[in-house]
Protein backbone atom coordinates (compact mmCIF):
# COMPACT_ATOMS: atom_id res chain seq x y z
CA MET A 1 0.00 0.00 0.00
CA ALA A 2 2.10 2.90 -1.24
CA VAL A 3 1.06 6.45 -0.41
CA THR A 4 0.35 7.15 -4.07
CA ASP A 5 -1.81 4.06 -4.41
CA SER A 6 -3.73 3.89 -1.11
CA PHE A 7 -7.23 3.60 -2.56
CA GLU A 8 -7.30 0.01 -3.64
CA ILE A 9 -10.41 -1.85 -4.73
CA GLY A 10 -9.03 -5.26 -5.48
CA SER A 11 -9.94 -8.87 -5.08
CA LEU A 12 -11.60 -8.26 -1.70
CA ASN A 13 -14.53 -6.29 -3.07
CA LYS A 14 -16.67 -8.87 -1.29
CA PHE A 15 -16.57 -6.43 1.63
CA ALA A 16 -18.06 -3.53 -0.33
CA LEU A 17 -21.73 -2.65 0.15
CA SER A 18 -24.10 -1.41 -2.51
CA GLY A 19 -24.70 2.34 -2.59
CA ASN A 20 -28.16 1.96 -1.05
CA ASP A 21 -26.95 -0.35 1.71
CA ALA A 22 -24.04 1.96 2.57
CA ALA A 23 -26.34 4.99 2.70
CA ALA A 24 -28.79 3.12 4.94
CA ILE A 25 -25.98 2.17 7.34
CA HIS A 26 -24.91 5.82 7.62
CA VAL A 27 -28.49 6.91 8.36
CA GLY A 28 -28.97 4.18 10.97
CA ASP A 29 -25.62 5.01 12.53
CA GLN A 30 -26.58 8.64 13.09
CA ARG A 31 -30.14 7.94 14.20
CA HIS A 32 -29.76 4.90 16.44
CA TYR A 33 -26.20 3.72 17.16
CA THR A 34 -24.59 5.40 20.18
CA HIS A 35 -20.87 4.70 19.96
CA ALA A 36 -18.43 4.14 22.79
CA TRP A 37 -16.99 7.42 24.14
CA PRO A 38 -19.44 9.43 22.01
CA SER A 39 -19.37 13.12 21.26
CA PHE A 40 -23.10 13.52 20.71
CA ARG A 41 -23.12 16.71 18.68
CA SER A 42 -20.21 15.66 16.49
CA ALA A 43 -21.84 12.30 15.87
CA GLN A 44 -24.84 14.07 14.36
CA LYS A 45 -22.63 15.93 11.89
CA ALA A 46 -19.86 13.49 11.01
CA ARG A 47 -20.08 10.33 8.92
CA SER A 48 -18.51 7.31 10.56
CA LEU A 49 -16.06 5.17 8.66
CA VAL A 50 -18.16 2.03 8.18
CA VAL A 51 -15.86 -0.99 8.35
CA THR A 52 -17.28 -4.02 6.59
CA GLY A 53 -14.47 -6.56 6.52
CA GLY A 54 -10.89 -7.38 7.35
CA GLU A 55 -8.07 -9.67 6.30
CA GLY A 56 -4.61 -9.87 7.78
CA ALA A 57 -3.56 -6.41 8.94
CA TYR A 58 -6.13 -4.61 6.77
CA VAL A 59 -9.76 -3.55 7.07
CA TYR A 60 -12.13 -2.47 4.30
CA ASP A 61 -14.85 0.13 4.25
CA ALA A 62 -18.29 0.05 2.66
CA GLN A 63 -16.87 1.31 -0.65
CA GLY A 64 -14.19 -1.38 -0.74
CA LYS A 65 -11.29 0.93 0.19
CA ARG A 66 -8.47 -0.81 2.03
CA TYR A 67 -6.85 0.54 5.19
CA LEU A 68 -3.87 -0.67 7.16
CA ASP A 69 -5.26 -0.96 10.69
CA GLY A 70 -2.74 0.99 12.70
CA MET A 71 -4.87 0.62 15.83
CA GLY A 72 -5.22 -3.16 15.78
CA GLY A 73 -8.93 -2.68 16.47
CA LEU A 74 -8.40 -1.14 19.91
CA TRP A 75 -5.04 -2.60 20.95
CA CYS A 76 -6.55 -6.07 20.54
CA VAL A 77 -6.53 -7.66 17.04
CA ASN A 78 -3.07 -9.03 17.66
CA MET A 79 -3.18 -11.92 15.19
CA GLY A 80 -4.99 -10.00 12.48
CA TYR A 81 -8.31 -10.46 10.73
CA GLY A 82 -9.70 -13.54 9.02
CA ARG A 83 -7.88 -16.17 11.09
CA ASN A 84 -9.96 -19.24 10.37
CA GLU A 85 -8.32 -21.20 13.18
CA ILE A 86 -10.01 -18.91 15.70
CA VAL A 87 -13.27 -18.65 13.75
CA GLU A 88 -13.62 -22.43 13.49
CA ALA A 89 -12.93 -22.88 17.21
CA ILE A 90 -15.70 -20.38 17.96
CA ALA A 91 -18.16 -22.12 15.64
CA GLU A 92 -17.33 -25.60 16.94
CA GLN A 93 -17.76 -24.57 20.57
CA ALA A 94 -21.00 -22.69 19.84
CA ARG A 95 -22.44 -25.84 18.29
CA ALA A 96 -21.34 -28.04 21.19
CA LEU A 97 -22.05 -25.74 24.15
CA PRO A 98 -22.78 -22.06 23.49
CA TYR A 99 -23.15 -21.13 27.15
CA CYS A 100 -22.55 -22.49 30.64
CA ASN A 101 -23.62 -21.05 33.98
CA PRO A 102 -20.42 -19.77 35.67
CA VAL A 103 -21.43 -20.13 39.32
CA ASP A 104 -19.44 -22.14 41.85
CA GLY A 105 -20.09 -25.85 41.41
CA LEU A 106 -20.40 -25.76 37.61
CA ALA A 107 -17.56 -25.72 35.07
CA ASN A 108 -17.01 -25.89 31.33
CA ALA A 109 -14.00 -27.45 29.65
CA PRO A 110 -12.75 -24.42 27.65
CA ALA A 111 -12.73 -22.20 30.76
CA VAL A 112 -10.81 -24.79 32.79
CA ARG A 113 -8.29 -25.42 29.99
CA LEU A 114 -7.79 -21.71 29.46
CA ALA A 115 -7.24 -21.11 33.19
CA GLU A 116 -4.61 -23.86 33.16
CA LYS A 117 -2.94 -22.33 30.12
CA ILE A 118 -2.85 -18.82 31.58
CA ALA A 119 -1.37 -20.17 34.82
CA SER A 120 1.36 -21.88 32.77
CA LEU A 121 2.18 -18.62 30.97
CA ALA A 122 1.99 -16.28 33.98
CA PRO A 123 5.13 -15.68 36.06
CA ASP A 124 6.05 -17.71 39.14
CA ASP A 125 3.17 -18.40 41.58
CA LEU A 126 0.28 -16.71 39.73
CA ASN A 127 -1.86 -19.83 39.33
CA HIS A 128 -5.48 -18.79 39.93
CA VAL A 129 -7.64 -17.22 37.22
CA PHE A 130 -10.89 -15.27 37.46
CA PHE A 131 -12.63 -14.51 34.15
CA THR A 132 -14.59 -11.38 33.28
CA CYS A 133 -15.95 -9.84 30.09
CA GLY A 134 -13.16 -7.34 29.33
CA GLY A 135 -10.42 -5.14 30.72
CA SER A 136 -12.60 -2.75 32.71
CA THR A 137 -14.36 -5.59 34.51
CA ALA A 138 -11.01 -7.33 35.03
CA ASN A 139 -9.63 -4.36 36.97
CA ASP A 140 -12.93 -3.77 38.74
CA SER A 141 -13.11 -7.39 39.89
CA ALA A 142 -9.43 -7.45 40.86
CA LEU A 143 -10.05 -4.51 43.19
CA ARG A 144 -13.08 -6.24 44.69
CA LEU A 145 -10.99 -9.35 45.34
CA ILE A 146 -8.33 -7.17 46.96
CA GLN A 147 -10.89 -5.56 49.27
CA PHE A 148 -12.24 -9.01 50.13
CA TYR A 149 -8.76 -10.41 50.74
CA GLN A 150 -7.63 -7.54 52.96
CA SER A 151 -10.75 -7.84 55.09
CA ILE A 152 -10.59 -11.63 55.30
CA ARG A 153 -7.01 -11.48 56.59
CA GLY A 154 -8.06 -9.08 59.32
CA LYS A 155 -6.94 -5.80 57.76
CA PRO A 156 -10.19 -4.10 56.68
CA ASP A 157 -8.63 -0.64 57.13
CA LYS A 158 -6.43 -1.28 54.07
CA ARG A 159 -8.83 0.59 51.78
CA PHE A 160 -6.78 3.14 49.82
CA VAL A 161 -5.76 2.35 46.25
CA LEU A 162 -2.77 4.07 44.66
CA THR A 163 -2.65 4.80 40.92
CA ARG A 164 -0.88 7.31 38.69
CA LEU A 165 -1.72 10.42 36.75
CA ARG A 166 -2.39 9.65 33.06
CA ALA A 167 -3.20 6.03 33.97
CA TYR A 168 -6.16 4.26 32.37
CA HIS A 169 -7.74 1.24 34.05
CA GLY A 170 -11.24 1.06 32.53
CA SER A 171 -14.65 2.68 32.26
CA THR A 172 -16.73 1.18 35.04
CA ILE A 173 -17.42 3.72 37.78
CA MET A 174 -14.68 2.17 39.93
CA THR A 175 -12.03 1.76 37.24
CA ALA A 176 -12.76 5.19 35.78
CA SER A 177 -12.09 6.50 39.28
CA LEU A 178 -8.76 4.66 39.33
CA GLY A 179 -7.78 6.34 36.07
CA GLY A 180 -5.75 9.50 36.05
CA ASN A 181 -6.11 10.77 32.50
CA PRO A 182 -7.39 14.38 32.64
CA PRO A 183 -9.50 14.19 29.43
CA ASP A 184 -11.39 11.25 30.94
CA ARG A 185 -12.42 13.27 34.01
CA SER A 186 -15.62 14.79 32.70
CA PRO A 187 -17.08 17.45 35.03
CA HIS A 188 -20.51 16.00 34.22
CA LEU A 189 -19.69 12.60 35.73
CA ARG A 190 -19.09 11.58 39.33
CA PHE A 191 -16.10 9.58 40.51
CA ILE A 192 -15.16 7.63 43.62
CA THR A 193 -12.60 9.83 45.33
CA ASP A 194 -12.54 8.78 48.95
CA ILE A 195 -10.24 5.77 48.53
CA VAL A 196 -8.21 6.60 45.39
CA ARG A 197 -4.93 8.54 45.57
CA GLN A 198 -2.58 9.25 42.68
CA VAL A 199 1.10 9.91 42.18
CA SER A 200 2.94 11.45 39.23
CA SER A 201 3.00 10.02 35.75
CA PRO A 202 6.42 8.51 34.91
CA ASN A 203 6.57 10.51 31.67
CA LEU A 204 10.20 11.00 30.62
CA TYR A 205 9.28 13.48 27.89
CA ARG A 206 7.63 15.81 30.40
CA MET A 207 10.09 15.43 33.28
CA PRO A 208 11.92 18.57 34.52
CA CYS A 209 14.51 19.57 31.93
CA ASP A 210 17.35 19.62 34.48
CA MET A 211 16.77 16.01 35.57
CA SER A 212 18.45 12.86 34.33
CA GLU A 213 16.43 9.70 33.81
CA ALA A 214 17.96 8.15 36.92
CA ALA A 215 17.19 11.24 39.02
CA PHE A 216 13.62 11.29 37.71
CA CYS A 217 13.22 7.64 38.69
CA ASP A 218 14.55 8.43 42.18
CA PHE A 219 12.05 11.30 42.47
CA LEU A 220 9.10 9.09 41.44
CA VAL A 221 10.03 6.28 43.82
CA GLU A 222 10.49 8.68 46.73
CA GLU A 223 7.20 10.40 45.88
CA LEU A 224 5.45 7.02 46.09
CA ARG A 225 7.18 6.31 49.41
CA ALA A 226 6.08 9.70 50.74
CA LYS A 227 2.49 9.01 49.70
CA ILE A 228 2.59 5.63 51.47
CA LEU A 229 3.93 7.25 54.66
CA GLU A 230 1.36 10.05 54.44
CA LEU A 231 -1.59 7.63 54.22
CA GLY A 232 -0.05 4.92 56.38
CA SER A 233 0.78 1.56 54.85
CA GLU A 234 -1.75 -0.04 57.20
CA ASN A 235 -4.42 1.86 55.25
CA ILE A 236 -3.29 1.04 51.68
CA ALA A 237 -4.65 -2.02 49.90
CA ALA A 238 -2.96 -1.97 46.51
CA PHE A 239 -1.03 -0.12 43.82
CA PHE A 240 -2.38 -0.45 40.25
CA ALA A 241 0.19 0.09 37.48
CA GLU A 242 0.36 -0.48 33.73
CA PRO A 243 3.92 -1.60 32.86
CA ILE A 244 3.72 0.91 30.01
CA LEU A 245 0.86 3.39 30.32
CA GLY A 246 -1.38 2.87 27.30
CA SER A 247 -4.25 5.26 26.69
CA GLY A 248 -2.49 7.97 28.69
CA GLY A 249 -0.04 8.28 25.81
CA VAL A 250 2.15 5.14 25.68
CA ILE A 251 4.33 6.35 28.53
CA VAL A 252 7.39 4.19 29.08
CA PRO A 253 8.62 4.66 32.67
CA PRO A 254 12.29 5.27 33.50
CA LYS A 255 14.62 2.31 33.69
CA ASP A 256 14.11 0.32 36.92
CA TYR A 257 10.95 2.28 37.86
CA ASN A 258 8.61 -0.72 37.69
CA ARG A 259 10.95 -2.96 39.66
CA ARG A 260 11.60 -0.34 42.34
CA THR A 261 7.94 0.55 42.86
CA TRP A 262 7.12 -3.16 43.11
CA GLU A 263 9.85 -3.59 45.73
CA LEU A 264 8.42 -0.62 47.63
CA CYS A 265 4.99 -2.25 47.68
CA LYS A 266 6.51 -5.45 49.01
CA GLU A 267 8.31 -3.50 51.73
CA TYR A 268 5.07 -1.90 52.92
CA ASP A 269 2.69 -4.89 52.53
CA ILE A 270 0.79 -3.36 49.60
CA LEU A 271 -0.50 -5.59 46.81
CA TYR A 272 1.02 -4.82 43.40
CA VAL A 273 -1.41 -5.12 40.48
CA ALA A 274 0.05 -5.10 36.97
CA ASP A 275 -2.61 -3.93 34.53
CA GLU A 276 -1.55 -5.89 31.44
CA VAL A 277 -4.84 -5.48 29.59
CA ILE A 278 -2.81 -4.00 26.71
CA THR A 279 0.71 -5.29 27.23
CA ALA A 280 -0.07 -9.01 27.63
CA PHE A 281 -0.42 -11.59 24.86
CA GLY A 282 2.35 -10.47 22.56
CA ARG A 283 2.05 -6.68 22.33
CA LEU A 284 5.55 -6.32 23.84
CA GLY A 285 6.88 -9.67 22.66
CA HIS A 286 5.85 -11.71 25.70
CA PHE A 287 2.67 -13.39 26.87
CA PHE A 288 3.11 -11.36 30.06
CA SER A 289 5.65 -8.54 30.22
CA SER A 290 5.79 -7.80 33.98
CA ASN A 291 8.51 -10.24 34.88
CA ALA A 292 10.07 -10.82 31.46
CA MET A 293 10.68 -7.13 30.69
CA PHE A 294 10.35 -5.23 33.94
CA GLU A 295 11.61 -7.64 36.65
CA THR A 296 8.47 -7.45 38.74
CA GLN A 297 6.49 -10.27 40.33
CA PRO A 298 2.97 -8.87 40.73
CA ASP A 299 0.46 -10.27 43.16
CA ILE A 300 -2.20 -9.90 40.45
CA ILE A 301 -2.04 -9.41 36.68
CA THR A 302 -5.13 -8.27 34.80
CA PHE A 303 -5.57 -9.10 31.11
CA ALA A 304 -8.04 -8.79 28.20
CA LYS A 305 -7.77 -7.49 24.59
CA GLY A 306 -5.12 -9.68 22.92
CA ILE A 307 -6.16 -12.85 24.73
CA THR A 308 -8.69 -13.54 21.96
CA SER A 309 -7.28 -11.08 19.38
CA GLY A 310 -10.65 -9.37 19.71
CA TYR A 311 -12.58 -12.28 18.20
CA GLN A 312 -14.63 -12.60 21.38
CA PRO A 313 -14.97 -10.34 24.45
CA LEU A 314 -12.97 -11.77 27.36
CA GLY A 315 -10.90 -10.51 30.25
CA GLY A 316 -9.81 -11.54 33.69
CA PHE A 317 -7.01 -11.62 36.21
CA VAL A 318 -4.56 -14.17 37.53
CA PHE A 319 -3.59 -14.03 41.20
CA SER A 320 -1.03 -15.56 43.49
CA ASP A 321 -0.95 -18.72 45.55
CA ALA A 322 -0.44 -16.56 48.63
CA ILE A 323 -3.70 -14.66 48.13
CA HIS A 324 -5.53 -17.88 47.28
CA LYS A 325 -4.29 -19.64 50.42
CA VAL A 326 -5.56 -16.85 52.68
CA LEU A 327 -9.01 -17.10 51.08
CA VAL A 328 -9.09 -20.90 51.27
CA ASP A 329 -8.00 -20.93 54.92
CA ALA A 330 -10.43 -18.18 55.99
CA GLU A 331 -12.68 -18.97 58.94
CA PRO A 332 -15.57 -18.62 58.92
CA GLN A 333 -15.68 -19.41 55.20
CA ALA A 334 -17.01 -16.45 53.23
CA ALA A 335 -18.09 -16.21 49.60
CA PHE A 336 -16.57 -13.68 47.22
CA ILE A 337 -19.74 -11.96 45.98
CA ASN A 338 -18.61 -11.07 42.49
CA GLY A 339 -19.10 -12.48 39.02
CA TYR A 340 -20.77 -11.98 35.65
CA THR A 341 -23.32 -13.88 33.59
CA TYR A 342 -20.64 -14.32 30.94
CA SER A 343 -17.68 -15.14 33.21
CA GLY A 344 -15.72 -18.03 31.70
CA HIS A 345 -17.96 -18.03 28.63
CA PRO A 346 -17.16 -21.27 26.77
CA VAL A 347 -17.14 -19.72 23.29
CA ALA A 348 -14.92 -16.84 24.36
CA CYS A 349 -12.56 -19.23 26.14
CA ALA A 350 -12.42 -21.48 23.07
CA ALA A 351 -11.47 -18.43 21.01
CA ALA A 352 -8.70 -17.58 23.47
CA LEU A 353 -7.32 -21.12 23.41
CA ALA A 354 -7.24 -21.11 19.60
CA ASN A 355 -5.64 -17.67 19.57
CA ILE A 356 -2.90 -18.68 22.01
CA GLU A 357 -2.26 -21.88 20.06
CA LEU A 358 -1.91 -19.81 16.88
CA MET A 359 0.47 -17.39 18.62
CA GLU A 360 2.65 -20.26 19.76
CA LYS A 361 2.53 -22.04 16.39
CA GLU A 362 3.62 -18.88 14.56
CA ASN A 363 6.10 -17.90 17.30
CA ILE A 364 4.54 -14.45 17.37
CA CYS A 365 6.59 -13.25 20.35
CA ALA A 366 9.85 -13.80 18.45
CA HIS A 367 8.31 -12.03 15.44
CA VAL A 368 7.40 -9.05 17.64
CA HIS A 369 10.99 -8.81 18.89
CA ASN A 370 12.19 -8.73 15.28
CA ALA A 371 9.52 -6.84 13.32
CA GLY A 372 8.44 -4.76 16.31
CA ALA A 373 11.96 -3.49 16.83
CA TYR A 374 12.05 -2.52 13.15
CA PHE A 375 8.68 -0.76 13.50
CA GLU A 376 10.00 1.19 16.47
CA LYS A 377 13.18 2.15 14.61
CA ARG A 378 11.30 3.32 11.51
CA LEU A 379 8.85 5.41 13.53
CA ARG A 380 11.61 7.08 15.55
CA ALA A 381 13.01 8.45 12.28
CA LEU A 382 9.88 10.64 12.09
CA SER A 383 11.31 12.70 14.97
CA ASP A 384 12.95 14.91 12.32
CA LEU A 385 9.57 16.26 11.20
CA GLN A 386 8.78 19.81 12.33
CA ILE A 387 5.87 19.18 14.71
CA VAL A 388 6.95 15.79 16.06
CA GLY A 389 8.04 16.34 19.65
CA ASP A 390 8.36 12.76 20.84
CA VAL A 391 8.20 9.26 19.40
CA ARG A 392 7.99 6.77 22.23
CA GLY A 393 6.95 3.26 23.06
CA SER A 394 8.14 -0.28 22.63
CA TYR A 395 7.74 -2.74 19.76
CA PHE A 396 4.14 -2.60 18.48
CA MET A 397 3.00 -0.15 21.17
CA MET A 398 3.97 3.34 20.04
CA CYS A 399 2.91 6.99 20.27
CA ILE A 400 3.76 10.15 18.33
CA GLU A 401 3.26 13.36 20.28
CA SER A 402 3.04 16.61 18.29
CA VAL A 403 4.12 19.99 19.64
CA MET A 404 4.09 23.58 18.40
CA ASP A 405 7.73 24.09 19.31
CA LYS A 406 10.22 21.22 19.58
CA SER A 407 12.82 23.06 21.68
CA SER A 408 10.38 24.20 24.38
CA LYS A 409 8.01 21.23 23.99
CA GLN A 410 5.15 23.76 23.82
CA PRO A 411 1.92 21.81 23.25
CA PHE A 412 -0.74 22.68 20.74
CA PRO A 413 -3.91 24.25 22.19
CA PRO A 414 -6.56 21.53 22.61
CA ASN A 415 -8.92 23.23 20.14
CA VAL A 416 -6.43 22.70 17.31
CA GLY A 417 -7.00 18.94 17.47
CA VAL A 418 -3.68 18.17 15.84
CA GLY A 419 -3.99 14.43 16.49
CA ASP A 420 -7.35 14.41 14.72
CA ILE A 421 -5.90 16.28 11.73
CA ILE A 422 -3.07 13.76 11.40
CA ALA A 423 -5.54 10.87 11.71
CA ARG A 424 -7.73 12.40 8.98
CA HIS A 425 -4.83 12.71 6.56
CA ALA A 426 -3.65 9.19 7.45
CA SER A 427 -7.13 7.85 6.69
CA ASP A 428 -7.07 9.54 3.30
CA LEU A 429 -3.83 7.65 2.67
CA GLY A 430 -5.31 4.31 3.72
CA LEU A 431 -3.97 4.15 7.28
CA ILE A 432 -6.07 4.15 10.47
CA VAL A 433 -4.39 5.65 13.56
CA ARG A 434 -5.89 6.72 16.87
CA PRO A 435 -5.96 10.41 17.81
CA LEU A 436 -5.77 11.39 21.48
CA GLY A 437 -5.45 15.16 21.77
CA SER A 438 -2.02 16.06 20.45
CA MET A 439 -0.99 12.41 20.24
CA ASN A 440 -1.49 9.55 17.80
CA ILE A 441 -1.48 6.03 19.20
CA LEU A 442 -0.06 3.27 16.99
CA SER A 443 -0.85 -0.33 17.92
CA PRO A 444 -1.18 -2.42 14.74
CA PRO A 445 -1.70 -6.18 14.53
CA LEU A 446 1.43 -8.03 15.58
CA ILE A 447 1.69 -9.83 12.25
CA LEU A 448 3.02 -6.85 10.26
CA ASN A 449 5.93 -7.65 7.96
CA ARG A 450 8.71 -5.24 7.00
CA GLU A 451 7.07 -4.16 3.76
CA GLN A 452 3.88 -3.27 5.63
CA ILE A 453 5.93 -1.43 8.26
CA ASP A 454 7.60 0.58 5.50
CA ASP A 455 4.16 1.44 4.05
CA PHE A 456 2.92 2.38 7.51
CA THR A 457 5.76 4.78 8.24
CA LEU A 458 5.64 6.28 4.74
CA SER A 459 1.93 7.02 5.12
CA MET A 460 2.44 8.36 8.66
CA SER A 461 5.21 10.66 7.47
CA GLU A 462 3.07 11.97 4.62
CA ALA A 463 0.08 12.51 6.96
CA ILE A 464 2.20 14.57 9.35
CA GLN A 465 3.68 16.62 6.53
CA ARG A 466 0.20 17.34 5.15
CA THR A 467 -0.82 18.40 8.66
CA GLN A 468 2.14 20.77 8.86
CA ILE A 469 1.08 22.39 5.59
CA GLU A 470 -2.50 22.74 6.85
CA LEU A 471 -1.40 24.26 10.16
CA SER A 472 0.98 26.64 8.41
CA ALA A 473 -1.77 27.81 6.05
CA ALA A 474 -3.92 28.54 9.12
CA ASN A 475 -1.01 30.49 10.72
CA ILE A 476 -0.91 28.09 13.66
CA ILE A 477 2.74 27.24 12.98
CA LYS A 478 5.38 29.06 10.95
């Protein structure tokens, strides 16, 4: 997909809709379909990109135009579209047993096998799996288990939860309250504030200009220690941390930050929760990145997204033998009052098993280390462009942050919507990227080859250059 030939209507015209059908979809979309994270007024004016099919790393719209999916769905279509191995597993399980009640005392084979598989992939003593319907419910349920565990072991005052600014942990009322991303804090919504406390984002690009990376790491660790001492460790239940912050802007913490904050939690008897909803299942070249990349041994790891490559909704968390033993030994025995109608859904679990088998068969983690490193290298070359302030991330989890002035790192005013402008130009070129304010998030399927990576970066470069011309014509930049 070269920049000059991005509008391709080829052999996959099977995804195109007739003119009447496409028009009807647009009308129905505006009249009836309320999207996730909607802007209601904009939705009444704008026409959605109607996606009708996908194969490999590409999706197709209603007119048959092909796009390289630079978002991987929403961080999740790790193995790409049209993988019949996963589709057939879904169909076979749906025919055999489409649903099974998840309550204690009943089990279904795919859920049990998947729990065993996750335990085998998770680090060290994380051997117990609780399934939910996605990432938000995974973090929500993990916190509920933590509250239950702390009370069961005789420490009900351990109620506070520590998170970080620019963190994202979900969109339930509880997980939205854990999040620390300012754009997500709508003044028209209410959040749980009595038990959540936040510390600084470990954003190297925005650290004080006179600090080294090592000094910034020292500052962050000591800030966390000070917060623990301020609240009292006897009052703190857990620390939630993404190994690399995702929706907050793909923020890679300083070297040793994850390990040192984990050690601090151990020192003060605070549970460490690694939110690997994005980073697990290959995104960083490992099934779980906490131990393999960041030398941490969490008490709980939450997961979702890539576990099924988006073919079915599924999430959950895996927790330690130590937590499990406390709950098993508790007297009097108490039930953990938490679960979902679709917990351990047999079809979703069958999809996950097929997806993991496919990942192992194709050695996707080794591919990510190779192709993902090339992707990262190619994107970092875009730093030479006028408005590109920072290119950051790891492997197939990247972000480009645009600024008005590179030397001062002066951000664009929010009303400019520079990320949206770049995304619009990228779409014209046949590339879908995610705008978040002044940033563009890049999280393509993990199966990209070098030729596709070259096409991706060529289109991204052209989209940014077109944006620069547009901003210059509007006298926003010189």
